[in-house]
Amino acid sequence: MMRGRLLDWTRIDQDAFHPVTRESFPWNARPTWLCWSGGKGSAWALQELRADPAVEVRGLIALVNEKNGRVILHGVRHTLLQCQAEAVGLPLRFIPLDWASTATERNTALTRGFGELRKGGASCIAFGDLFSLKGRDRRMLVTADTGLEVVFPLWERDTRALAAEMLEAGMSAWVCCVGTDFLPASLVGSRFDAGFVAALPDGVDPCGGNDEFQTFVEWAPGWSRRVRVAPGRSIEVYDAAFSEMAETEPGRRERQRPRVDVFSHFARLGRVRRHVDRHLAADLEIATVAGIAAMSPTGFRHYFRKHVGMTFGDWLAHRRVERACRLLRESDAPVGRIAEAVGFRSERAFRRTFNKQVDCSPSEYRKRSFVDLVDSD
């Protein structure tokens, strides 16, 4: 019989992660889980969801083969999805499926797996589908009895414009699977980049929306680190070709692209950073900063969170603490004066924020920096 419950080995405790600064959400934000394949659609759907203040993304859920732990969609090992989950700072759960079982048994397992999310407090489940009505109907079928609202953040987007947007933002991804009815097997293991998209034959969707190809993402805006992989051996099975994605050593960079500095890449974000750095001690109200970006406050909030991966308030706090660290290293000014110089209105608030980000007090940080300087001499 098909096992629909989430097996113990598929659970990862959220406390095991070290995510970016925890965001605060409106009291009525909908607790949402995203169905995660590790590909570009999943990564960009997460971008869209995190840019929506009405949504609180609580975790990721992936479908894997229960016999070998590989992702159902493209055969990537589940351990690489765990690395991605750490990079985005979210817990990850798996629904194991027996692909030799009947479609009815698989649907029952999916319904049970998604139902567990509902019991755990989720109100929404999100999918990265683009336009496939068949795929959408299948999602609606397996969630119909769970009580979950189903959302599709990328539904009916212009896929050529979407692919360009992903690449312009610096997304780094590999083509890990191709449908050989659409594309030659030799393309598996290629970079998903502008050259790959431009060379696609007529009729092949730029985002692979008809399952012409699948990708594995190394980095996207908002991720805390790059999941470094490289394509290995390739195999063909029936009407698909797969490339084995394997983690590379941290120092192996010959096939990697550098992470994009979005503040240099997008002119309006560059203006914002320069303004903030010049006026760090001032009351940097969102309306004023939005005006620097030539946007409305609401539009700026969404735009900033989408491209930077955190709220403007969180980023500003990081920027102020970074400046404070430099002042603590380079001067003997009192902590209260440094707090004021970087824009904090009270020393208590500064100490609390500093400790949260640096994991020590300002005084302890200064002491450690002095010891390090003496030791280096």
Protein backbone atom coordinates (compact mmCIF):
# COMPACT_ATOMS: atom_id res chain seq x y z
CA MET A 1 0.00 0.00 0.00
CA MET A 2 0.98 3.58 -0.61
CA ARG A 3 2.33 5.49 2.43
CA GLY A 4 0.86 9.00 2.60
CA ARG A 5 2.27 10.12 5.93
CA LEU A 6 5.47 12.16 6.13
CA LEU A 7 8.24 9.77 7.19
CA ASP A 8 10.49 10.71 10.11
CA TRP A 9 13.57 10.92 7.90
CA THR A 10 11.87 13.57 5.79
CA ARG A 11 11.44 16.02 8.66
CA ILE A 12 13.89 18.83 9.28
CA ASP A 13 13.61 20.89 12.46
CA GLN A 14 13.38 24.60 11.75
CA ASP A 15 15.75 25.28 14.66
CA ALA A 16 18.52 23.55 12.67
CA PHE A 17 18.58 26.46 10.23
CA HIS A 18 20.37 29.77 10.56
CA PRO A 19 18.16 31.98 8.37
CA VAL A 20 18.41 35.68 7.64
CA THR A 21 16.78 38.06 10.10
CA ARG A 22 13.30 36.87 11.01
CA GLU A 23 10.68 39.03 9.35
CA SER A 24 7.58 40.23 11.17
CA PHE A 25 4.26 39.77 9.42
CA PRO A 26 0.87 41.46 9.75
CA TRP A 27 -1.39 39.68 12.22
CA ASN A 28 -3.66 38.55 9.39
CA ALA A 29 -0.92 37.31 6.99
CA ARG A 30 -1.88 33.89 5.61
CA PRO A 31 0.41 31.04 6.78
CA THR A 32 1.59 29.52 3.49
CA TRP A 33 3.72 26.57 2.39
CA LEU A 34 5.28 26.44 -1.07
CA CYS A 35 5.53 23.24 -3.10
CA TRP A 36 9.26 23.18 -3.86
CA SER A 37 11.00 21.40 -6.72
CA GLY A 38 14.29 23.30 -6.43
CA GLY A 39 13.85 24.81 -9.89
CA LYS A 40 13.46 28.34 -11.21
CA GLY A 41 9.65 28.33 -10.94
CA SER A 42 9.79 27.44 -7.25
CA ALA A 43 12.52 29.99 -6.56
CA TRP A 44 10.66 32.81 -8.29
CA ALA A 45 7.33 31.87 -6.73
CA LEU A 46 9.06 32.23 -3.35
CA GLN A 47 10.21 35.69 -4.43
CA GLU A 48 6.66 36.71 -5.29
CA LEU A 49 5.20 35.30 -2.09
CA ARG A 50 7.77 36.99 0.13
CA ALA A 51 7.07 40.30 -1.60
CA ASP A 52 3.39 40.04 -0.62
CA PRO A 53 2.79 41.38 2.92
CA ALA A 54 -0.47 39.39 3.09
CA VAL A 55 1.51 36.12 2.95
CA GLU A 56 3.72 34.51 5.59
CA VAL A 57 5.80 31.76 3.97
CA ARG A 58 6.33 29.20 6.73
CA GLY A 59 8.04 26.41 4.82
CA LEU A 60 8.65 24.31 1.74
CA ILE A 61 7.27 20.91 0.82
CA ALA A 62 8.69 18.63 -1.87
CA LEU A 63 7.60 15.40 -3.55
CA VAL A 64 10.23 12.65 -3.64
CA ASN A 65 10.54 9.03 -4.70
CA GLU A 66 10.28 7.05 -1.45
CA LYS A 67 12.71 4.39 -2.72
CA ASN A 68 15.68 6.63 -3.51
CA GLY A 69 14.86 10.08 -2.08
CA ARG A 70 15.08 11.83 -5.46
CA VAL A 71 12.75 14.63 -6.51
CA ILE A 72 9.87 13.25 -8.55
CA LEU A 73 10.04 15.97 -11.19
CA HIS A 74 13.70 15.78 -12.25
CA GLY A 75 15.61 13.23 -10.15
CA VAL A 76 17.80 15.61 -8.12
CA ARG A 77 18.79 14.19 -4.74
CA HIS A 78 16.68 15.39 -1.81
CA THR A 79 19.83 16.43 0.08
CA LEU A 80 20.42 19.24 -2.42
CA LEU A 81 16.92 20.57 -1.74
CA GLN A 82 17.83 20.58 1.94
CA CYS A 83 20.81 22.81 1.07
CA GLN A 84 18.47 25.16 -0.80
CA ALA A 85 16.09 25.27 2.17
CA GLU A 86 18.97 26.32 4.42
CA ALA A 87 19.92 29.04 1.92
CA VAL A 88 16.40 30.51 1.92
CA GLY A 89 15.99 30.05 5.69
CA LEU A 90 12.87 27.87 5.66
CA PRO A 91 12.02 24.40 7.00
CA LEU A 92 11.58 21.67 4.39
CA ARG A 93 9.31 18.64 4.49
CA PHE A 94 8.92 15.81 1.99
CA ILE A 95 6.00 13.74 0.79
CA PRO A 96 7.41 10.34 -0.27
CA LEU A 97 5.64 8.75 -3.22
CA ASP A 98 5.79 5.24 -4.63
CA TRP A 99 5.88 5.84 -8.36
CA ALA A 100 4.98 2.19 -9.02
CA SER A 101 1.61 2.69 -7.30
CA THR A 102 -1.58 3.75 -9.02
CA ALA A 103 -2.48 7.37 -9.73
CA THR A 104 -5.29 7.12 -7.18
CA GLU A 105 -2.88 5.93 -4.48
CA ARG A 106 -0.44 8.74 -5.28
CA ASN A 107 -3.22 11.32 -5.13
CA THR A 108 -4.33 9.93 -1.78
CA ALA A 109 -0.78 10.25 -0.45
CA LEU A 110 -0.57 13.84 -1.65
CA THR A 111 -3.90 14.72 -0.07
CA ARG A 112 -2.73 13.29 3.25
CA GLY A 113 0.61 15.08 3.06
CA PHE A 114 -0.95 18.46 2.27
CA GLY A 115 -3.60 17.79 4.92
CA GLU A 116 -0.85 17.56 7.56
CA LEU A 117 0.15 21.11 6.70
CA ARG A 118 -3.40 22.25 7.35
CA LYS A 119 -3.40 20.49 10.72
CA GLY A 120 -0.15 22.27 11.52
CA GLY A 121 -1.70 25.70 10.99
CA ALA A 122 -1.22 26.38 7.26
CA SER A 123 -4.03 28.12 5.42
CA CYS A 124 -2.51 28.21 1.91
CA ILE A 125 -0.44 26.00 -0.36
CA ALA A 126 1.38 27.65 -3.30
CA PHE A 127 2.62 26.19 -6.57
CA GLY A 128 4.92 27.64 -9.22
CA ASP A 129 2.82 26.53 -12.22
CA LEU A 130 2.79 28.92 -15.18
CA PHE A 131 -0.08 28.01 -17.47
CA SER A 132 -0.68 24.25 -17.64
CA LEU A 133 -4.39 23.72 -16.97
CA LYS A 134 -3.78 19.98 -16.64
CA GLY A 135 -1.22 20.60 -13.90
CA ARG A 136 -3.44 23.13 -12.19
CA ASP A 137 -6.41 20.76 -12.19
CA ARG A 138 -4.21 18.06 -10.65
CA ARG A 139 -3.14 20.44 -7.87
CA MET A 140 -6.74 21.38 -7.17
CA LEU A 141 -7.77 17.72 -7.06
CA VAL A 142 -5.24 16.64 -4.42
CA THR A 143 -5.92 19.68 -2.21
CA ALA A 144 -9.70 19.77 -2.57
CA ASP A 145 -10.41 18.01 0.74
CA THR A 146 -7.63 19.62 2.80
CA GLY A 147 -9.21 23.00 3.52
CA LEU A 148 -6.14 24.75 2.07
CA GLU A 149 -6.44 27.72 -0.24
CA VAL A 150 -4.43 27.08 -3.42
CA VAL A 151 -2.45 29.96 -4.95
CA PHE A 152 -0.36 30.22 -8.12
CA PRO A 153 1.91 33.32 -7.86
CA LEU A 154 3.26 33.01 -11.42
CA TRP A 155 0.07 31.99 -13.20
CA GLU A 156 -0.20 33.24 -16.81
CA ARG A 157 2.91 35.42 -16.62
CA ASP A 158 4.60 36.20 -19.94
CA THR A 159 7.23 33.45 -19.81
CA ARG A 160 9.72 35.17 -22.09
CA ALA A 161 9.62 38.29 -19.96
CA LEU A 162 9.71 36.12 -16.82
CA ALA A 163 12.83 34.26 -17.96
CA ALA A 164 14.52 37.58 -18.74
CA GLU A 165 13.52 38.95 -15.32
CA MET A 166 14.99 35.92 -13.56
CA LEU A 167 18.29 36.19 -15.39
CA GLU A 168 18.51 39.97 -15.01
CA ALA A 169 18.13 39.53 -11.26
CA GLY A 170 21.14 37.19 -11.26
CA MET A 171 19.44 33.82 -10.79
CA SER A 172 21.97 31.01 -11.25
CA ALA A 173 20.61 27.64 -12.39
CA TRP A 174 21.49 24.46 -14.28
CA VAL A 175 19.32 22.50 -16.72
CA CYS A 176 19.06 19.18 -14.90
CA CYS A 177 16.46 17.46 -17.11
CA VAL A 178 15.18 17.82 -20.67
CA GLY A 179 12.24 16.21 -22.42
CA THR A 180 13.78 14.56 -25.46
CA ASP A 181 10.52 14.95 -27.40
CA PHE A 182 11.24 18.69 -27.34
CA LEU A 183 15.01 19.12 -26.98
CA PRO A 184 18.18 17.14 -27.75
CA ALA A 185 19.58 15.18 -24.82
CA SER A 186 22.90 16.97 -25.25
CA LEU A 187 21.40 20.14 -23.71
CA VAL A 188 21.03 18.55 -20.28
CA GLY A 189 23.69 19.93 -17.95
CA SER A 190 23.65 23.34 -19.67
CA ARG A 191 23.52 26.63 -17.84
CA PHE A 192 20.08 28.22 -17.77
CA ASP A 193 21.18 31.56 -19.16
CA ALA A 194 20.34 34.04 -21.90
CA GLY A 195 22.23 31.97 -24.49
CA PHE A 196 20.29 28.83 -23.61
CA VAL A 197 16.94 30.64 -23.82
CA ALA A 198 17.84 32.35 -27.12
CA ALA A 199 18.83 29.02 -28.72
CA LEU A 200 15.59 27.20 -27.82
CA PRO A 201 13.72 25.90 -30.89
CA ASP A 202 10.44 27.51 -31.92
CA GLY A 203 7.57 26.25 -29.84
CA VAL A 204 9.66 25.51 -26.74
CA ASP A 205 8.61 27.67 -23.81
CA PRO A 206 11.42 29.92 -22.44
CA CYS A 207 10.60 28.74 -18.91
CA GLY A 208 9.93 25.12 -19.82
CA GLY A 209 6.26 25.57 -18.96
CA ASN A 210 5.27 22.48 -20.93
CA ASP A 211 7.87 20.34 -19.13
CA GLU A 212 10.34 20.76 -21.99
CA PHE A 213 13.14 21.14 -19.41
CA GLN A 214 13.67 21.40 -15.65
CA THR A 215 16.26 23.33 -13.68
CA PHE A 216 18.08 23.30 -10.36
CA VAL A 217 18.74 26.73 -8.83
CA GLU A 218 22.06 27.55 -7.15
CA TRP A 219 21.17 31.08 -6.13
CA ALA A 220 18.34 33.60 -6.44
CA PRO A 221 17.78 37.04 -4.87
CA GLY A 222 17.20 36.79 -1.15
CA TRP A 223 19.20 33.58 -0.62
CA SER A 224 21.81 33.74 2.12
CA ARG A 225 24.33 31.65 0.19
CA ARG A 226 24.93 29.82 -3.08
CA VAL A 227 24.31 26.07 -3.30
CA ARG A 228 27.29 25.21 -5.47
CA VAL A 229 26.69 22.31 -7.82
CA ALA A 230 28.03 21.05 -11.13
CA PRO A 231 26.48 18.64 -13.65
CA GLY A 232 27.93 15.14 -13.68
CA ARG A 233 27.04 12.06 -15.71
CA SER A 234 23.93 12.12 -17.88
CA ILE A 235 21.46 9.33 -18.55
CA GLU A 236 18.46 8.92 -20.85
CA VAL A 237 15.34 7.18 -19.63
CA TYR A 238 12.37 6.81 -21.96
CA ASP A 239 11.55 10.34 -23.18
CA ALA A 240 13.82 12.33 -20.85
CA ALA A 241 17.51 12.97 -20.23
CA PHE A 242 18.82 13.67 -16.71
CA SER A 243 22.07 15.15 -15.44
CA GLU A 244 23.35 14.21 -11.98
CA MET A 245 23.73 17.39 -9.94
CA ALA A 246 26.53 17.14 -7.38
CA GLU A 247 27.78 19.63 -4.81
CA THR A 248 31.18 21.09 -5.57
CA GLU A 249 33.89 22.03 -3.10
CA PRO A 250 33.49 25.54 -1.61
CA GLY A 251 36.67 26.69 -3.36
CA ARG A 252 35.68 25.46 -6.79
CA ARG A 253 34.66 28.56 -8.71
CA GLU A 254 35.66 27.99 -12.30
CA ARG A 255 32.12 27.28 -13.47
CA GLN A 256 30.33 29.63 -11.07
CA ARG A 257 29.05 33.12 -11.68
CA PRO A 258 29.50 35.67 -8.90
CA ARG A 259 26.50 36.64 -6.83
CA VAL A 260 24.88 39.78 -8.22
CA ASP A 261 24.98 42.95 -6.12
CA VAL A 262 21.40 44.09 -6.70
CA PHE A 263 22.23 47.60 -5.45
CA SER A 264 24.69 48.00 -8.32
CA HIS A 265 22.49 46.11 -10.78
CA PHE A 266 19.32 48.19 -10.30
CA ALA A 267 19.73 51.96 -10.59
CA ARG A 268 16.92 52.88 -8.19
CA LEU A 269 18.32 50.56 -5.50
CA GLY A 270 21.73 52.12 -6.03
CA ARG A 271 20.23 55.57 -5.40
CA VAL A 272 18.59 54.29 -2.23
CA ARG A 273 21.83 52.81 -0.88
CA ARG A 274 23.78 56.01 -1.57
CA HIS A 275 21.09 58.12 0.12
CA VAL A 276 20.97 55.84 3.15
CA ASP A 277 24.74 55.81 3.52
CA ARG A 278 24.85 59.63 3.39
CA HIS A 279 21.99 60.08 5.88
CA LEU A 280 22.35 57.03 8.12
CA ALA A 281 21.86 59.07 11.30
CA ALA A 282 18.64 60.67 10.04
CA ASP A 283 15.04 59.50 10.42
CA LEU A 284 14.87 57.56 7.17
CA GLU A 285 11.11 57.38 6.75
CA ILE A 286 9.78 55.02 4.10
CA ALA A 287 8.01 57.83 2.21
CA THR A 288 11.27 59.76 1.82
CA VAL A 289 13.28 56.73 0.72
CA ALA A 290 10.52 55.67 -1.69
CA GLY A 291 10.72 59.13 -3.24
CA ILE A 292 14.46 58.62 -3.86
CA ALA A 293 13.50 55.47 -5.78
CA ALA A 294 10.72 57.38 -7.61
CA MET A 295 8.09 54.98 -6.32
CA SER A 296 5.09 55.03 -4.02
CA PRO A 297 5.75 53.73 -0.48
CA THR A 298 3.67 50.59 -1.08
CA GLY A 299 5.30 49.89 -4.44
CA PHE A 300 8.75 50.49 -2.99
CA ARG A 301 8.15 48.06 -0.11
CA HIS A 302 7.22 45.29 -2.54
CA TYR A 303 10.02 46.16 -4.99
CA PHE A 304 12.70 46.25 -2.27
CA ARG A 305 11.63 43.01 -0.64
CA LYS A 306 11.42 41.25 -4.01
CA HIS A 307 14.94 42.19 -5.16
CA VAL A 308 16.82 42.32 -1.85
CA GLY A 309 15.10 39.43 -0.11
CA MET A 310 14.24 41.29 3.10
CA THR A 311 12.22 44.31 4.15
CA PHE A 312 13.71 47.78 3.92
CA GLY A 313 13.55 48.07 7.72
CA ASP A 314 15.55 44.87 8.23
CA TRP A 315 18.12 45.92 5.62
CA LEU A 316 18.45 49.39 7.19
CA ALA A 317 19.10 47.82 10.59
CA HIS A 318 21.83 45.64 9.02
CA ARG A 319 23.36 48.70 7.36
CA ARG A 320 23.40 50.64 10.61
CA VAL A 321 24.96 47.79 12.54
CA GLU A 322 27.62 47.36 9.83
CA ARG A 323 28.57 51.05 10.21
CA ALA A 324 28.54 50.70 14.00
CA CYS A 325 30.95 47.77 13.79
CA ARG A 326 33.39 49.89 11.82
CA LEU A 327 33.11 52.75 14.32
CA LEU A 328 33.63 50.38 17.24
CA ARG A 329 36.81 49.06 15.62
CA GLU A 330 38.21 52.42 14.55
CA SER A 331 37.31 54.74 17.44
CA ASP A 332 37.03 54.79 21.21
CA ALA A 333 33.76 56.78 21.21
CA PRO A 334 31.19 55.72 23.82
CA VAL A 335 28.64 53.15 22.69
CA GLY A 336 25.77 55.61 23.17
CA ARG A 337 27.42 58.14 20.84
CA ILE A 338 28.01 55.47 18.19
CA ALA A 339 24.38 54.38 18.47
CA GLU A 340 23.29 57.96 17.78
CA ALA A 341 25.77 58.33 14.90
CA VAL A 342 24.28 55.37 13.03
CA GLY A 343 20.65 56.38 13.51
CA PHE A 344 19.40 54.65 16.65
CA ARG A 345 17.25 56.85 18.89
CA SER A 346 18.12 54.97 22.06
CA GLU A 347 21.18 53.10 23.25
CA ARG A 348 18.95 50.30 24.51
CA ALA A 349 17.44 49.72 21.05
CA PHE A 350 20.92 49.79 19.53
CA ARG A 351 22.27 47.21 21.98
CA ARG A 352 19.30 44.92 21.40
CA THR A 353 19.59 45.10 17.60
CA PHE A 354 23.39 44.76 17.67
CA ASN A 355 23.26 41.70 19.92
CA LYS A 356 20.64 40.09 17.69
CA GLN A 357 22.72 40.54 14.55
CA VAL A 358 26.28 40.09 15.82
CA ASP A 359 25.54 37.71 18.70
CA CYS A 360 27.44 39.78 21.25
CA SER A 361 27.24 43.21 22.86
CA PRO A 362 28.89 46.28 21.26
CA SER A 363 31.42 46.39 24.11
CA GLU A 364 32.28 42.72 23.68
CA TYR A 365 32.65 43.24 19.92
CA ARG A 366 35.06 46.12 20.49
CA LYS A 367 37.05 44.03 22.97
CA ARG A 368 37.32 41.11 20.54
CA SER A 369 38.39 43.42 17.72
CA PHE A 370 41.13 44.89 19.90
CA VAL A 371 42.38 41.41 20.87
CA ASP A 372 42.40 40.33 17.22
CA LEU A 373 44.37 43.45 16.28
CA VAL A 374 46.98 42.82 19.00
CA ASP A 375 47.29 39.15 18.05
CA SER A 376 47.81 40.04 14.38
CA ASP A 377 50.70 42.34 15.37
